[in-house]
Amino acid sequence: MPQEVRLQKYIAECGIASRRGAEKLITSGKVKVNGEIIKKLGSKIDPSKDKIIIDNKNIQKQEEKIYIKLYKPKGYISSCKRHTGERTVLDLIKNIPARLYPVGRLDKESEGLIILTNDGKLAHKLMHPRYEHEKEYEVTVEKELSDQEIKKLEDGIIIDGRKTLPTKLKTITNKKFNIILREGKKRQIRKMVSAVKNNVITLKRVRIENITLGTLSPGEYEYFSSKNFLTPKRNIIKQNLTDIV
């Protein structure tokens, strides 16, 4: 069934005017629906297919922006597209309210933080290489890392003919460390570790900029507000690690 609404209500919900102001726009003949001037109050429209024009400008209700941080478990793929027999991160979200896209993909055998949103502009700014946004990972490797190998990982390693950007690395144990990247090449950490003759055992992303996993467990998620990390100037807050979500 079509989702019809009263024209003046829809105009008000689009933020064009108050309900009373919307009624005045209609009765004054300033509103067209599918090319026809509508002056009758109470007229109904279907926003999904009807074209509404006010003062020669097409109006459309802005989609509510949704932001979810999810702990992707191992065994799930980050893609929105379903492959035969594959489980996607969207399978973990109940009653999905909109079409969501993953920000910050992880390979199937990795786990950790993924942001899901319908805010395309934000997704672009978070993931475009030129912004060099920080992404932090907790990594366990097969063999102990020497000081020389740690320095190589920090300074950058040639992968697919191009040197990676310098990283920040903090050792937790001889086989476990946190690493901060400012780029997102495919399977980058696994390739970097392989370049120093080692293998990744576990890989978990714990942070994207100032958005962290917090207390989430694998498969859990929570909604959060864009106010937690948006600024008018840059759209991403660079702040202390204590200012976390």
Protein backbone atom coordinates (compact mmCIF):
# COMPACT_ATOMS: atom_id res chain seq x y z
CA MET A 1 0.00 0.00 0.00
CA PRO A 2 1.32 3.50 -0.83
CA GLN A 3 2.34 5.57 2.19
CA GLU A 4 0.21 8.65 1.59
CA VAL A 5 0.46 11.73 3.81
CA ARG A 6 -1.23 15.11 3.85
CA LEU A 7 0.62 17.61 1.69
CA GLN A 8 0.94 20.29 4.39
CA LYS A 9 2.29 17.73 6.86
CA TYR A 10 4.92 16.58 4.40
CA ILE A 11 6.01 20.16 3.63
CA ALA A 12 6.40 20.83 7.35
CA GLU A 13 8.38 17.61 7.86
CA CYS A 14 10.74 18.69 5.08
CA GLY A 15 11.56 21.78 7.14
CA ILE A 16 10.22 24.20 4.53
CA ALA A 17 7.70 25.84 6.88
CA SER A 18 5.58 25.23 9.95
CA ARG A 19 2.32 23.35 9.46
CA ARG A 20 0.42 26.64 9.34
CA GLY A 21 3.03 28.13 7.01
CA ALA A 22 2.71 25.07 4.75
CA GLU A 23 -1.04 25.62 4.57
CA LYS A 24 -0.48 29.21 3.45
CA LEU A 25 1.95 28.07 0.75
CA ILE A 26 -0.69 25.67 -0.56
CA THR A 27 -3.64 28.08 -0.52
CA SER A 28 -1.54 30.80 -2.17
CA GLY A 29 -0.86 28.49 -5.13
CA LYS A 30 2.88 28.13 -4.58
CA VAL A 31 2.86 24.33 -4.38
CA LYS A 32 2.87 21.98 -7.36
CA VAL A 33 2.45 18.21 -7.25
CA ASN A 34 3.54 16.44 -10.41
CA GLY A 35 3.34 19.73 -12.29
CA GLU A 36 -0.17 20.63 -11.10
CA ILE A 37 -0.84 23.51 -8.70
CA ILE A 38 -2.57 22.22 -5.56
CA LYS A 39 -4.57 24.69 -3.46
CA LYS A 40 -6.81 22.30 -1.57
CA LEU A 41 -5.82 21.67 2.03
CA GLY A 42 -5.84 18.05 3.06
CA SER A 43 -4.69 16.80 -0.33
CA LYS A 44 -2.64 13.63 0.04
CA ILE A 45 0.59 12.66 -1.70
CA ASP A 46 2.86 9.64 -1.91
CA PRO A 47 6.40 10.96 -1.19
CA SER A 48 7.96 7.88 -2.80
CA LYS A 49 6.64 8.75 -6.25
CA ASP A 50 5.09 12.24 -6.28
CA LYS A 51 7.22 15.26 -7.21
CA ILE A 52 6.58 18.31 -5.03
CA ILE A 53 7.78 21.74 -6.14
CA ILE A 54 7.56 24.99 -4.16
CA ASP A 55 8.61 28.26 -5.80
CA ASN A 56 10.22 26.25 -8.61
CA LYS A 57 12.33 24.20 -6.18
CA ASN A 58 11.98 20.45 -5.79
CA ILE A 59 11.57 19.48 -2.14
CA GLN A 60 12.30 16.16 -0.52
CA LYS A 61 12.30 14.98 3.05
CA GLN A 62 15.80 14.43 4.36
CA GLU A 63 16.52 10.85 5.36
CA GLU A 64 17.32 10.47 9.03
CA LYS A 65 21.02 9.78 9.48
CA ILE A 66 21.83 6.62 11.38
CA TYR A 67 25.14 5.70 13.03
CA ILE A 68 25.86 2.27 14.50
CA LYS A 69 29.10 0.91 15.89
CA LEU A 70 29.31 -2.86 15.63
CA TYR A 71 31.74 -5.48 16.91
CA LYS A 72 32.16 -7.71 13.86
CA PRO A 73 32.89 -11.29 14.91
CA LYS A 74 35.18 -13.57 12.96
CA GLY A 75 33.42 -15.44 10.16
CA TYR A 76 31.31 -12.52 8.95
CA ILE A 77 32.01 -10.49 5.82
CA SER A 78 31.85 -6.69 5.79
CA SER A 79 30.07 -6.44 2.45
CA CYS A 80 26.40 -5.48 2.11
CA LYS A 81 26.08 -7.97 -0.74
CA ARG A 82 25.12 -11.49 0.16
CA HIS A 83 27.15 -14.37 -1.21
CA THR A 84 25.97 -17.97 -1.12
CA GLY A 85 26.35 -19.27 2.41
CA GLU A 86 28.12 -16.13 3.66
CA ARG A 87 27.02 -14.20 6.74
CA THR A 88 27.27 -10.41 6.50
CA VAL A 89 27.52 -7.77 9.21
CA LEU A 90 23.98 -6.68 8.36
CA ASP A 91 22.72 -10.06 9.58
CA LEU A 92 23.67 -8.90 13.08
CA ILE A 93 21.44 -5.81 13.02
CA LYS A 94 17.82 -6.27 14.06
CA ASN A 95 15.06 -4.29 12.32
CA ILE A 96 17.39 -2.33 10.06
CA PRO A 97 15.73 1.09 9.76
CA ALA A 98 17.46 2.18 6.55
CA ARG A 99 19.93 1.04 3.93
CA LEU A 100 23.23 1.01 5.76
CA TYR A 101 26.79 0.84 4.47
CA PRO A 102 29.85 -0.42 6.35
CA VAL A 103 32.64 2.06 7.04
CA GLY A 104 36.00 0.45 7.58
CA ARG A 105 35.89 -3.05 6.17
CA LEU A 106 37.52 -6.03 7.82
CA ASP A 107 38.36 -9.32 6.16
CA LYS A 108 36.39 -12.41 7.12
CA GLU A 109 38.92 -13.81 9.60
CA SER A 110 39.39 -10.46 11.38
CA GLU A 111 37.16 -8.96 14.06
CA GLY A 112 36.43 -5.64 15.68
CA LEU A 113 34.95 -2.23 15.06
CA ILE A 114 32.87 -1.43 12.01
CA ILE A 115 30.69 1.66 11.64
CA LEU A 116 27.39 1.25 9.79
CA THR A 117 25.67 4.36 8.47
CA ASN A 118 23.50 5.78 5.72
CA ASP A 119 25.49 9.03 5.80
CA GLY A 120 27.41 8.83 2.54
CA LYS A 121 29.32 12.07 3.07
CA LEU A 122 30.63 10.95 6.41
CA ALA A 123 31.55 7.51 5.10
CA HIS A 124 33.55 9.12 2.29
CA LYS A 125 35.43 11.44 4.63
CA LEU A 126 36.21 8.66 7.08
CA MET A 127 37.60 6.30 4.46
CA HIS A 128 39.14 8.50 1.75
CA PRO A 129 42.95 8.08 1.86
CA ARG A 130 43.69 11.81 1.67
CA TYR A 131 42.18 12.42 5.12
CA GLU A 132 44.56 9.90 6.75
CA HIS A 133 42.17 9.10 9.60
CA GLU A 134 43.54 6.88 12.33
CA LYS A 135 42.50 3.25 12.69
CA GLU A 136 43.88 1.24 15.59
CA TYR A 137 44.26 -2.54 15.68
CA GLU A 138 45.21 -5.12 18.29
CA VAL A 139 47.38 -7.80 16.68
CA THR A 140 48.75 -11.14 17.86
CA VAL A 141 51.49 -12.75 15.77
CA GLU A 142 52.95 -16.25 15.60
CA LYS A 143 56.55 -15.43 16.52
CA GLU A 144 58.19 -12.84 18.73
CA LEU A 145 59.06 -9.57 17.01
CA SER A 146 62.61 -8.25 17.21
CA ASP A 147 63.32 -4.55 17.75
CA GLN A 148 64.46 -4.35 14.13
CA GLU A 149 61.21 -5.87 12.87
CA ILE A 150 59.18 -3.47 15.01
CA LYS A 151 61.09 -0.54 13.54
CA LYS A 152 60.39 -1.80 10.01
CA LEU A 153 56.67 -1.96 10.76
CA GLU A 154 56.76 1.57 12.19
CA ASP A 155 58.81 3.10 9.37
CA GLY A 156 56.74 1.61 6.55
CA ILE A 157 57.07 -1.46 4.36
CA ILE A 158 56.89 -1.93 0.60
CA ILE A 159 53.57 -3.59 -0.28
CA ASP A 160 52.52 -4.15 -3.87
CA GLY A 161 55.26 -1.80 -5.06
CA ARG A 162 54.40 1.09 -2.71
CA LYS A 163 55.70 1.95 0.74
CA THR A 164 53.11 2.15 3.50
CA LEU A 165 52.80 5.29 5.60
CA PRO A 166 54.65 5.33 8.94
CA THR A 167 52.70 3.74 11.78
CA LYS A 168 52.54 3.99 15.55
CA LEU A 169 53.18 0.67 17.28
CA LYS A 170 52.88 -0.16 20.98
CA THR A 171 54.04 -3.58 22.16
CA ILE A 172 51.87 -5.36 24.72
CA THR A 173 53.83 -8.63 24.85
CA ASN A 174 56.53 -10.11 22.61
CA LYS A 175 53.81 -11.48 20.33
CA LYS A 176 51.08 -8.88 20.78
CA PHE A 177 50.94 -5.20 19.86
CA ASN A 178 48.64 -2.33 18.97
CA ILE A 179 49.26 -0.59 15.67
CA ILE A 180 47.76 2.66 14.36
CA LEU A 181 47.36 3.08 10.59
CA ARG A 182 46.51 6.21 8.61
CA GLU A 183 45.58 4.34 5.44
CA GLY A 184 43.54 1.29 4.57
CA LYS A 185 45.10 -0.98 2.00
CA LYS A 186 43.54 -4.40 1.51
CA ARG A 187 44.85 -6.86 4.12
CA GLN A 188 47.55 -4.31 4.94
CA ILE A 189 48.52 -5.50 8.41
CA ARG A 190 48.68 -9.14 7.34
CA LYS A 191 50.92 -8.19 4.42
CA MET A 192 53.14 -6.03 6.64
CA VAL A 193 53.57 -8.82 9.17
CA SER A 194 54.26 -11.29 6.37
CA ALA A 195 56.98 -8.96 5.07
CA VAL A 196 58.91 -9.42 8.33
CA LYS A 197 58.60 -13.22 8.03
CA ASN A 198 55.79 -13.62 10.54
CA ASN A 199 52.09 -14.52 10.56
CA VAL A 200 49.02 -12.88 12.07
CA ILE A 201 47.14 -15.10 14.52
CA THR A 202 44.44 -12.62 15.60
CA LEU A 203 43.56 -9.16 14.32
CA LYS A 204 41.01 -6.89 15.98
CA ARG A 205 40.22 -3.27 15.15
CA VAL A 206 39.58 -1.34 18.35
CA ARG A 207 39.23 2.23 17.10
CA ILE A 208 38.37 4.42 14.11
CA GLU A 209 39.39 8.00 14.96
CA ASN A 210 37.79 8.61 18.40
CA ILE A 211 35.11 5.93 17.99
CA THR A 212 36.06 2.80 19.95
CA LEU A 213 34.66 -0.65 20.62
CA GLY A 214 34.09 0.34 24.22
CA THR A 215 32.51 -2.57 26.12
CA LEU A 216 30.94 -4.26 23.10
CA SER A 217 31.31 -8.02 22.72
CA PRO A 218 31.43 -9.87 19.37
CA GLY A 219 28.10 -9.48 17.56
CA GLU A 220 26.92 -6.59 19.75
CA TYR A 221 26.22 -3.10 18.46
CA GLU A 222 24.87 0.24 19.61
CA TYR A 223 23.55 3.42 18.05
CA PHE A 224 25.42 6.66 18.62
CA SER A 225 25.04 10.30 17.68
CA SER A 226 27.02 12.09 15.01
CA LYS A 227 27.62 14.79 17.63
CA ASN A 228 30.14 12.43 19.17
CA PHE A 229 32.58 12.96 16.34
CA LEU A 230 31.32 15.63 13.94
CA THR A 231 32.58 19.20 13.77
CA PRO A 232 31.58 21.90 11.26
CA LYS A 233 35.21 22.46 10.29
CA ARG A 234 36.43 18.97 9.51
CA ASN A 235 33.55 16.62 10.24
CA ILE A 236 35.86 14.47 12.34
CA ILE A 237 37.05 15.26 15.84
CA LYS A 238 40.72 14.75 16.59
CA GLN A 239 40.74 14.48 20.37
CA ASN A 240 42.33 12.65 23.26
CA LEU A 241 41.80 8.93 23.58
CA THR A 242 39.99 9.60 26.87
CA ASP A 243 37.17 11.28 24.91
CA ILE A 244 35.74 8.03 23.62
CA VAL A 245 32.30 6.83 22.71
